């Protein structure tokens, strides 16, 4: 099952696929371009555009200000180690899942 992804402080905006692979915040609607699947609250996870299970939402690098969120082939995202996301509990500032988010790779 999929759903909308909104910033905590601006829940009237949702991530929307506006070009082939780029995402921007837009007013929430029933548009399929806003449906994202793969959320988990207990562990790291991959997010995918609805109906596109081979594409992963990612930032091209380690997260940094103003970097574009985009959908990219999951194989490339996995190779770059940019495929995983975690839920952060706003009240505690920590993940609700396993604190060990290491994928076993010691590289950067």
C-alpha atoms as a PDB file:
ATOM      1  CA  UNK A   1       0.000   0.000   0.000  1.00  0.00           C
ATOM      2  CA  UNK A   2       1.155   3.478  -0.766  1.00  0.00           C
ATOM      3  CA  UNK A   3       0.525   6.942   0.499  1.00  0.00           C
ATOM      4  CA  UNK A   4       1.541  10.567   0.454  1.00  0.00           C
ATOM      5  CA  UNK A   5       4.765  11.889   1.956  1.00  0.00           C
ATOM      6  CA  UNK A   6       4.526  15.340   3.550  1.00  0.00           C
ATOM      7  CA  UNK A   7       6.819  17.521   5.660  1.00  0.00           C
ATOM      8  CA  UNK A   8       5.812  17.412   9.319  1.00  0.00           C
ATOM      9  CA  UNK A   9       5.255  21.178   9.502  1.00  0.00           C
ATOM     10  CA  UNK A  10       3.512  21.560   6.137  1.00  0.00           C
ATOM     11  CA  UNK A  11       1.214  18.592   5.745  1.00  0.00           C
ATOM     12  CA  UNK A  12      -0.806  20.243   2.975  1.00  0.00           C
ATOM     13  CA  UNK A  13       2.196  19.675   0.666  1.00  0.00           C
ATOM     14  CA  UNK A  14       3.226  16.287  -0.746  1.00  0.00           C
ATOM     15  CA  UNK A  15       6.169  14.982  -2.712  1.00  0.00           C
ATOM     16  CA  UNK A  16       5.173  14.791  -6.370  1.00  0.00           C
ATOM     17  CA  UNK A  17       7.029  13.401  -9.371  1.00  0.00           C
ATOM     18  CA  UNK A  18       7.074  16.491 -11.589  1.00  0.00           C
ATOM     19  CA  UNK A  19       9.509  15.337 -14.255  1.00  0.00           C
ATOM     20  CA  UNK A  20      10.454  11.829 -15.226  1.00  0.00           C
ATOM     21  CA  UNK A  21      12.471  11.284 -12.048  1.00  0.00           C
ATOM     22  CA  UNK A  22      12.532  14.482  -9.954  1.00  0.00           C
ATOM     23  CA  UNK A  23      10.302  15.181  -6.933  1.00  0.00           C
ATOM     24  CA  UNK A  24       9.110  18.524  -5.581  1.00  0.00           C
ATOM     25  CA  UNK A  25       6.648  19.615  -2.924  1.00  0.00           C
ATOM     26  CA  UNK A  26       3.222  20.389  -4.397  1.00  0.00           C
ATOM     27  CA  UNK A  27      -0.257  20.793  -2.875  1.00  0.00           C
ATOM     28  CA  UNK A  28      -1.561  17.340  -1.942  1.00  0.00           C
ATOM     29  CA  UNK A  29      -4.017  15.796  -4.387  1.00  0.00           C
ATOM     30  CA  UNK A  30      -5.222  12.408  -5.590  1.00  0.00           C
ATOM     31  CA  UNK A  31      -2.631  12.449  -8.392  1.00  0.00           C
ATOM     32  CA  UNK A  32      -0.878   9.072  -8.770  1.00  0.00           C
ATOM     33  CA  UNK A  33       2.418  10.990  -9.109  1.00  0.00           C
ATOM     34  CA  UNK A  34       2.181  11.661  -5.354  1.00  0.00           C
ATOM     35  CA  UNK A  35       1.726   8.042  -4.258  1.00  0.00           C
ATOM     36  CA  UNK A  36       4.861   6.494  -2.783  1.00  0.00           C
ATOM     37  CA  UNK A  37       5.148   2.906  -1.537  1.00  0.00           C
ATOM     38  CA  UNK A  38       7.547   1.111   0.795  1.00  0.00           C
ATOM     39  CA  UNK A  39       7.252   2.993   4.110  1.00  0.00           C
ATOM     40  CA  UNK A  40       8.212   1.136   7.291  1.00  0.00           C
ATOM     41  CA  UNK A  41       8.299   2.347  10.860  1.00  0.00           C
ATOM     42  CA  UNK A  42      10.478  -0.393  12.334  1.00  0.00           C
ATOM     43  CA  UNK A  43      13.550  -0.557  10.099  1.00  0.00           C
ATOM     44  CA  UNK A  44      15.317   1.063   7.158  1.00  0.00           C
ATOM     45  CA  UNK A  45      13.386   0.842   3.902  1.00  0.00           C
ATOM     46  CA  UNK A  46      13.310   1.701   0.217  1.00  0.00           C
ATOM     47  CA  UNK A  47      10.635   4.014  -1.199  1.00  0.00           C
ATOM     48  CA  UNK A  48       9.301   3.545  -4.721  1.00  0.00           C
ATOM     49  CA  UNK A  49       6.998   5.545  -6.984  1.00  0.00           C
ATOM     50  CA  UNK A  50       3.621   3.822  -7.157  1.00  0.00           C
ATOM     51  CA  UNK A  51       3.712   1.176  -9.900  1.00  0.00           C
ATOM     52  CA  UNK A  52       7.489   1.477 -10.388  1.00  0.00           C
ATOM     53  CA  UNK A  53       9.033  -1.139  -8.051  1.00  0.00           C
ATOM     54  CA  UNK A  54      12.396  -1.066  -9.844  1.00  0.00           C
ATOM     55  CA  UNK A  55      12.868   2.668  -9.143  1.00  0.00           C
ATOM     56  CA  UNK A  56      14.001   3.860  -5.706  1.00  0.00           C
ATOM     57  CA  UNK A  57      13.617   7.354  -4.311  1.00  0.00           C
ATOM     58  CA  UNK A  58      17.052   8.676  -3.441  1.00  0.00           C
ATOM     59  CA  UNK A  59      19.329  11.643  -3.113  1.00  0.00           C
ATOM     60  CA  UNK A  60      22.330  11.297  -5.383  1.00  0.00           C
ATOM     61  CA  UNK A  61      24.786  11.825  -2.485  1.00  0.00           C
ATOM     62  CA  UNK A  62      24.647  11.676   1.271  1.00  0.00           C
ATOM     63  CA  UNK A  63      21.781  14.006   2.191  1.00  0.00           C
ATOM     64  CA  UNK A  64      22.638  17.686   1.983  1.00  0.00           C
ATOM     65  CA  UNK A  65      20.649  20.904   1.816  1.00  0.00           C
ATOM     66  CA  UNK A  66      18.679  21.560  -1.344  1.00  0.00           C
ATOM     67  CA  UNK A  67      19.574  18.272  -3.005  1.00  0.00           C
ATOM     68  CA  UNK A  68      16.906  16.899  -5.329  1.00  0.00           C
ATOM     69  CA  UNK A  69      14.981  13.778  -4.356  1.00  0.00           C
ATOM     70  CA  UNK A  70      14.565  11.637  -7.445  1.00  0.00           C
ATOM     71  CA  UNK A  71      13.592   8.177  -8.584  1.00  0.00           C
ATOM     72  CA  UNK A  72      16.479   6.210 -10.000  1.00  0.00           C
ATOM     73  CA  UNK A  73      16.995   2.588 -10.989  1.00  0.00           C
ATOM     74  CA  UNK A  74      17.245   0.691  -7.685  1.00  0.00           C
ATOM     75  CA  UNK A  75      20.406  -1.109  -8.816  1.00  0.00           C
ATOM     76  CA  UNK A  76      22.213   2.232  -9.219  1.00  0.00           C
ATOM     77  CA  UNK A  77      20.822   3.555  -5.930  1.00  0.00           C
ATOM     78  CA  UNK A  78      21.950   0.377  -4.140  1.00  0.00           C
ATOM     79  CA  UNK A  79      25.405   0.568  -5.710  1.00  0.00           C
ATOM     80  CA  UNK A  80      25.666   4.192  -4.501  1.00  0.00           C
ATOM     81  CA  UNK A  81      24.231   3.285  -1.062  1.00  0.00           C
ATOM     82  CA  UNK A  82      21.545   5.967  -1.428  1.00  0.00           C
ATOM     83  CA  UNK A  83      18.524   3.653  -1.500  1.00  0.00           C
ATOM     84  CA  UNK A  84      17.632   3.444   2.208  1.00  0.00           C
ATOM     85  CA  UNK A  85      15.482   5.759   4.311  1.00  0.00           C
ATOM     86  CA  UNK A  86      14.529   5.628   7.981  1.00  0.00           C
ATOM     87  CA  UNK A  87      11.625   7.107   9.927  1.00  0.00           C
ATOM     88  CA  UNK A  88      12.668   9.519  12.657  1.00  0.00           C
ATOM     89  CA  UNK A  89      10.489   9.932  15.716  1.00  0.00           C
ATOM     90  CA  UNK A  90      10.033  13.705  15.994  1.00  0.00           C
ATOM     91  CA  UNK A  91       9.746  13.551  19.781  1.00  0.00           C
ATOM     92  CA  UNK A  92      12.877  11.490  20.424  1.00  0.00           C
ATOM     93  CA  UNK A  93      14.917  12.407  17.344  1.00  0.00           C
ATOM     94  CA  UNK A  94      15.770   8.743  16.813  1.00  0.00           C
ATOM     95  CA  UNK A  95      14.701   5.901  14.575  1.00  0.00           C
ATOM     96  CA  UNK A  96      12.002   3.663  15.993  1.00  0.00           C
ATOM     97  CA  UNK A  97      13.754   0.647  14.487  1.00  0.00           C
ATOM     98  CA  UNK A  98      17.126  -0.968  14.876  1.00  0.00           C
ATOM     99  CA  UNK A  99      19.830   1.634  15.521  1.00  0.00           C
ATOM    100  CA  UNK A 100      22.250  -0.424  13.429  1.00  0.00           C
ATOM    101  CA  UNK A 101      21.633   0.936   9.923  1.00  0.00           C
ATOM    102  CA  UNK A 102      24.918  -0.441   8.615  1.00  0.00           C
ATOM    103  CA  UNK A 103      24.457  -2.404   5.422  1.00  0.00           C
ATOM    104  CA  UNK A 104      27.676  -4.317   6.030  1.00  0.00           C
ATOM    105  CA  UNK A 105      29.772  -2.178   3.693  1.00  0.00           C
ATOM    106  CA  UNK A 106      32.629  -0.328   5.346  1.00  0.00           C
ATOM    107  CA  UNK A 107      33.044   1.998   2.372  1.00  0.00           C
ATOM    108  CA  UNK A 108      31.677   5.553   2.158  1.00  0.00           C
END
